[in-house]
Amino acid sequence: MPRPTAAQLAYGSATVIVSTIAMLLLSQTSTGIGIAVISAAALALGLLVALTVPIPRRRGRHAAGRPAAAPVAATGFPVDVPADVRVPEPRAASEHSVHH
C-alpha cells in the first residue's frame, strides 16, 4: 500500500476534527459511550475521506503499466499518421455550414 500524501493526511485530519466537534455539538451528549461512538464515527469518516482523495498519477512510460502516448505534431494529429490523412480536403463553397 502506498504511503499517504500530504493532501490525504490534511483532508482526513480536518474531517475527523470538524466532524467530531459538529457531532458533539449537535448531539449534546455528555456520556462516555456517546463520545466514544461519535469519535469512532468521526475516525471512520476521516479515513473514508483520506482514501477517496485522488492520488496524483506518475507521468512517464511506465506509469500504470501503459506505454506513453504517441508524439503529437503541432496539427494535433499523431506524428505517425501520414500527411495526406492529417490534412482534410478543402470544402466547396456550398458545403459550408453557415449559409448567407
N, C-alpha and C. Protein backbone atom coordinates (compact mmCIF):
# COMPACT_ATOMS: atom_id res chain seq x y z
N MET A 1 0.85 -1.17 0.00
CA MET A 1 0.00 0.00 0.00
C MET A 1 0.90 1.24 0.00
N PRO A 2 0.65 2.19 -0.90
CA PRO A 2 1.49 3.37 -0.97
C PRO A 2 1.29 4.27 0.25
N ARG A 3 2.30 5.06 0.53
CA ARG A 3 2.22 5.98 1.67
C ARG A 3 1.23 7.09 1.36
N PRO A 4 0.50 7.57 2.37
CA PRO A 4 -0.47 8.65 2.13
C PRO A 4 0.24 9.96 1.79
N THR A 5 -0.40 10.74 0.93
CA THR A 5 0.16 12.03 0.56
C THR A 5 -0.20 13.07 1.62
N ALA A 6 0.41 14.24 1.51
CA ALA A 6 0.12 15.32 2.46
C ALA A 6 -1.34 15.75 2.35
N ALA A 7 -1.87 15.76 1.15
CA ALA A 7 -3.28 16.15 0.97
C ALA A 7 -4.21 15.16 1.63
N GLN A 8 -3.90 13.87 1.53
CA GLN A 8 -4.74 12.86 2.16
C GLN A 8 -4.71 13.00 3.68
N LEU A 9 -3.53 13.23 4.24
CA LEU A 9 -3.42 13.41 5.68
C LEU A 9 -4.16 14.67 6.14
N ALA A 10 -4.03 15.75 5.39
CA ALA A 10 -4.67 17.01 5.77
C ALA A 10 -6.20 16.90 5.70
N TYR A 11 -6.71 16.37 4.60
CA TYR A 11 -8.17 16.23 4.46
C TYR A 11 -8.75 15.26 5.49
N GLY A 12 -8.08 14.16 5.72
CA GLY A 12 -8.56 13.19 6.70
C GLY A 12 -8.56 13.75 8.10
N SER A 13 -7.48 14.42 8.48
CA SER A 13 -7.39 15.01 9.82
C SER A 13 -8.42 16.11 10.02
N ALA A 14 -8.57 16.97 9.03
CA ALA A 14 -9.55 18.05 9.14
C ALA A 14 -10.97 17.48 9.24
N THR A 15 -11.24 16.41 8.51
CA THR A 15 -12.56 15.78 8.57
C THR A 15 -12.83 15.21 9.95
N VAL A 16 -11.83 14.56 10.55
CA VAL A 16 -12.01 13.99 11.88
C VAL A 16 -12.29 15.09 12.89
N ILE A 17 -11.52 16.16 12.86
CA ILE A 17 -11.68 17.23 13.85
C ILE A 17 -13.02 17.93 13.69
N VAL A 18 -13.34 18.35 12.47
CA VAL A 18 -14.57 19.10 12.23
C VAL A 18 -15.80 18.23 12.48
N SER A 19 -15.79 16.99 12.02
CA SER A 19 -16.96 16.14 12.21
C SER A 19 -17.14 15.77 13.68
N THR A 20 -16.07 15.58 14.43
CA THR A 20 -16.19 15.29 15.85
C THR A 20 -16.83 16.45 16.59
N ILE A 21 -16.34 17.64 16.34
CA ILE A 21 -16.90 18.83 17.01
C ILE A 21 -18.35 19.03 16.62
N ALA A 22 -18.65 18.89 15.34
CA ALA A 22 -20.03 19.11 14.87
C ALA A 22 -20.98 18.08 15.48
N MET A 23 -20.59 16.81 15.48
CA MET A 23 -21.48 15.79 16.03
C MET A 23 -21.65 15.93 17.54
N LEU A 24 -20.57 16.32 18.26
CA LEU A 24 -20.69 16.51 19.70
C LEU A 24 -21.61 17.69 20.03
N LEU A 25 -21.49 18.76 19.25
CA LEU A 25 -22.35 19.92 19.49
C LEU A 25 -23.81 19.62 19.14
N LEU A 26 -24.02 18.92 18.04
CA LEU A 26 -25.39 18.63 17.62
C LEU A 26 -26.08 17.60 18.52
N SER A 27 -25.34 16.62 19.01
CA SER A 27 -25.95 15.58 19.84
C SER A 27 -26.07 15.99 21.30
N GLN A 28 -25.26 16.91 21.75
CA GLN A 28 -25.22 17.39 23.14
C GLN A 28 -25.07 16.24 24.13
N THR A 29 -24.29 15.25 23.74
CA THR A 29 -24.07 14.11 24.62
C THR A 29 -22.95 14.42 25.61
N SER A 30 -23.06 13.83 26.78
CA SER A 30 -22.01 14.01 27.78
C SER A 30 -21.59 12.66 28.37
N THR A 31 -22.17 11.58 27.89
CA THR A 31 -21.81 10.26 28.38
C THR A 31 -20.56 9.76 27.68
N GLY A 32 -19.84 8.90 28.34
CA GLY A 32 -18.62 8.34 27.77
C GLY A 32 -18.89 7.49 26.55
N ILE A 33 -19.96 6.73 26.58
CA ILE A 33 -20.29 5.87 25.44
C ILE A 33 -20.67 6.71 24.22
N GLY A 34 -21.44 7.77 24.44
CA GLY A 34 -21.83 8.65 23.33
C GLY A 34 -20.63 9.31 22.69
N ILE A 35 -19.71 9.77 23.51
CA ILE A 35 -18.49 10.40 22.99
C ILE A 35 -17.65 9.38 22.23
N ALA A 36 -17.57 8.15 22.74
CA ALA A 36 -16.79 7.10 22.06
C ALA A 36 -17.40 6.76 20.71
N VAL A 37 -18.74 6.67 20.65
CA VAL A 37 -19.40 6.36 19.38
C VAL A 37 -19.18 7.47 18.37
N ILE A 38 -19.30 8.71 18.82
CA ILE A 38 -19.09 9.86 17.92
C ILE A 38 -17.65 9.91 17.45
N SER A 39 -16.71 9.64 18.35
CA SER A 39 -15.29 9.64 17.96
C SER A 39 -14.99 8.55 16.95
N ALA A 40 -15.55 7.38 17.15
CA ALA A 40 -15.33 6.28 16.21
C ALA A 40 -15.93 6.61 14.84
N ALA A 41 -17.12 7.21 14.84
CA ALA A 41 -17.75 7.59 13.58
C ALA A 41 -16.92 8.66 12.87
N ALA A 42 -16.39 9.61 13.61
CA ALA A 42 -15.56 10.66 13.01
C ALA A 42 -14.27 10.08 12.44
N LEU A 43 -13.67 9.13 13.14
CA LEU A 43 -12.45 8.48 12.63
C LEU A 43 -12.74 7.71 11.35
N ALA A 44 -13.87 7.00 11.31
CA ALA A 44 -14.25 6.26 10.11
C ALA A 44 -14.50 7.22 8.94
N LEU A 45 -15.17 8.33 9.22
CA LEU A 45 -15.42 9.32 8.17
C LEU A 45 -14.11 9.94 7.68
N GLY A 46 -13.20 10.25 8.59
CA GLY A 46 -11.89 10.79 8.20
C GLY A 46 -11.09 9.82 7.36
N LEU A 47 -11.16 8.54 7.70
CA LEU A 47 -10.46 7.52 6.91
C LEU A 47 -11.07 7.42 5.52
N LEU A 48 -12.39 7.47 5.45
CA LEU A 48 -13.06 7.41 4.14
C LEU A 48 -12.66 8.60 3.28
N VAL A 49 -12.63 9.79 3.87
CA VAL A 49 -12.25 10.98 3.10
C VAL A 49 -10.80 10.89 2.66
N ALA A 50 -9.92 10.45 3.54
CA ALA A 50 -8.49 10.35 3.19
C ALA A 50 -8.25 9.35 2.07
N LEU A 51 -9.02 8.28 2.03
CA LEU A 51 -8.82 7.27 0.99
C LEU A 51 -9.44 7.67 -0.34
N THR A 52 -10.40 8.58 -0.32
CA THR A 52 -11.03 8.98 -1.57
C THR A 52 -10.41 10.22 -2.19
N VAL A 53 -9.44 10.84 -1.55
CA VAL A 53 -8.73 11.97 -2.16
C VAL A 53 -7.93 11.42 -3.33
N PRO A 54 -8.07 12.02 -4.53
CA PRO A 54 -7.34 11.49 -5.68
C PRO A 54 -5.83 11.53 -5.47
N ILE A 55 -5.19 10.44 -5.84
CA ILE A 55 -3.73 10.35 -5.75
C ILE A 55 -3.16 10.78 -7.09
N PRO A 56 -2.17 11.70 -7.09
CA PRO A 56 -1.59 12.12 -8.37
C PRO A 56 -0.92 10.94 -9.06
N ARG A 57 -1.16 10.84 -10.37
CA ARG A 57 -0.58 9.75 -11.14
C ARG A 57 0.82 10.11 -11.59
N ARG A 58 1.65 9.08 -11.66
CA ARG A 58 3.02 9.30 -12.13
C ARG A 58 3.01 9.45 -13.63
N ARG A 59 3.82 10.33 -14.12
CA ARG A 59 3.93 10.54 -15.56
C ARG A 59 5.09 9.71 -16.09
N GLY A 60 4.99 9.35 -17.34
CA GLY A 60 6.10 8.63 -17.95
C GLY A 60 5.64 7.35 -18.61
N ARG A 61 6.57 6.67 -19.19
CA ARG A 61 6.28 5.48 -19.97
C ARG A 61 5.77 4.33 -19.11
N HIS A 62 6.26 4.21 -17.90
CA HIS A 62 5.92 3.06 -17.08
C HIS A 62 4.79 3.35 -16.10
N ALA A 63 4.15 4.47 -16.19
CA ALA A 63 3.06 4.79 -15.28
C ALA A 63 1.89 3.86 -15.53
N ALA A 64 1.46 3.17 -14.50
CA ALA A 64 0.31 2.27 -14.53
C ALA A 64 0.45 1.16 -15.57
N GLY A 65 1.68 0.83 -15.98
CA GLY A 65 1.89 -0.26 -16.90
C GLY A 65 1.46 0.00 -18.33
N ARG A 66 1.21 1.25 -18.66
CA ARG A 66 0.78 1.59 -20.02
C ARG A 66 1.92 2.27 -20.76
N PRO A 67 2.01 2.05 -22.07
CA PRO A 67 3.01 2.79 -22.84
C PRO A 67 2.61 4.25 -22.96
N ALA A 68 3.58 5.11 -23.16
CA ALA A 68 3.30 6.53 -23.31
C ALA A 68 2.55 6.77 -24.61
N ALA A 69 1.80 7.85 -24.67
CA ALA A 69 1.04 8.19 -25.87
C ALA A 69 1.98 8.54 -27.01
N ALA A 70 1.51 8.37 -28.23
CA ALA A 70 2.33 8.68 -29.40
C ALA A 70 2.59 10.18 -29.45
N PRO A 71 3.77 10.59 -29.93
CA PRO A 71 4.06 12.01 -30.05
C PRO A 71 3.04 12.69 -30.96
N VAL A 72 2.68 13.91 -30.62
CA VAL A 72 1.67 14.63 -31.38
C VAL A 72 2.32 15.81 -32.08
N ALA A 73 1.99 15.98 -33.37
CA ALA A 73 2.52 17.11 -34.14
C ALA A 73 1.76 18.37 -33.77
N ALA A 74 2.21 19.50 -34.27
CA ALA A 74 1.57 20.79 -33.99
C ALA A 74 0.14 20.83 -34.53
N THR A 75 -0.18 19.99 -35.48
CA THR A 75 -1.54 19.96 -36.03
C THR A 75 -2.52 19.27 -35.11
N GLY A 76 -2.02 18.57 -34.08
CA GLY A 76 -2.90 17.85 -33.17
C GLY A 76 -3.06 16.39 -33.53
N PHE A 77 -2.45 15.95 -34.63
CA PHE A 77 -2.52 14.56 -35.04
C PHE A 77 -1.25 13.85 -34.60
N PRO A 78 -1.31 12.54 -34.33
CA PRO A 78 -0.08 11.82 -34.01
C PRO A 78 0.92 11.90 -35.16
N VAL A 79 2.20 11.89 -34.82
CA VAL A 79 3.26 12.06 -35.81
C VAL A 79 3.27 10.93 -36.82
N ASP A 80 2.90 9.72 -36.42
CA ASP A 80 2.99 8.58 -37.33
C ASP A 80 1.83 8.51 -38.33
N VAL A 81 0.88 9.45 -38.30
CA VAL A 81 -0.20 9.48 -39.27
C VAL A 81 0.30 10.21 -40.51
N PRO A 82 0.13 9.62 -41.72
CA PRO A 82 0.63 10.26 -42.94
C PRO A 82 -0.03 11.63 -43.15
N ALA A 83 0.70 12.52 -43.82
CA ALA A 83 0.25 13.90 -44.02
C ALA A 83 -1.03 13.96 -44.84
N ASP A 84 -1.20 13.05 -45.82
CA ASP A 84 -2.41 13.11 -46.63
C ASP A 84 -3.66 12.73 -45.83
N VAL A 85 -3.48 12.03 -44.72
CA VAL A 85 -4.61 11.70 -43.85
C VAL A 85 -4.86 12.84 -42.88
N ARG A 86 -3.80 13.53 -42.45
CA ARG A 86 -3.93 14.59 -41.46
C ARG A 86 -4.63 15.83 -42.00
N VAL A 87 -4.40 16.16 -43.26
CA VAL A 87 -4.93 17.41 -43.81
C VAL A 87 -6.22 17.12 -44.54
N PRO A 88 -7.34 17.68 -44.09
CA PRO A 88 -8.60 17.42 -44.79
C PRO A 88 -8.65 18.18 -46.11
N GLU A 89 -9.44 17.66 -47.02
CA GLU A 89 -9.62 18.31 -48.31
C GLU A 89 -10.39 19.62 -48.12
N PRO A 90 -10.09 20.65 -48.94
CA PRO A 90 -10.84 21.89 -48.81
C PRO A 90 -12.31 21.67 -49.19
N ARG A 91 -13.19 22.39 -48.52
CA ARG A 91 -14.61 22.27 -48.80
C ARG A 91 -15.00 23.14 -49.98
N ALA A 92 -15.98 22.70 -50.70
CA ALA A 92 -16.55 23.54 -51.77
C ALA A 92 -17.37 24.64 -51.12
N ALA A 93 -17.62 25.70 -51.86
CA ALA A 93 -18.36 26.85 -51.31
C ALA A 93 -19.74 26.46 -50.81
N SER A 94 -20.35 25.46 -51.39
CA SER A 94 -21.70 25.07 -50.99
C SER A 94 -21.72 24.17 -49.76
N GLU A 95 -20.55 23.71 -49.30
CA GLU A 95 -20.50 22.78 -48.17
C GLU A 95 -20.35 23.49 -46.83
N HIS A 96 -20.22 24.79 -46.78
CA HIS A 96 -20.06 25.47 -45.50
C HIS A 96 -21.32 25.38 -44.69
N SER A 97 -21.17 25.33 -43.38
CA SER A 97 -22.33 25.16 -42.52
C SER A 97 -23.12 26.46 -42.37
N VAL A 98 -22.50 27.59 -42.61
CA VAL A 98 -23.20 28.87 -42.48
C VAL A 98 -23.59 29.35 -43.87
N HIS A 99 -24.87 29.53 -44.11
CA HIS A 99 -25.35 30.00 -45.41
C HIS A 99 -25.80 31.44 -45.29
N HIS A 100 -25.51 32.22 -46.31
CA HIS A 100 -25.90 33.65 -46.28
C HIS A 100 -27.08 33.88 -47.16
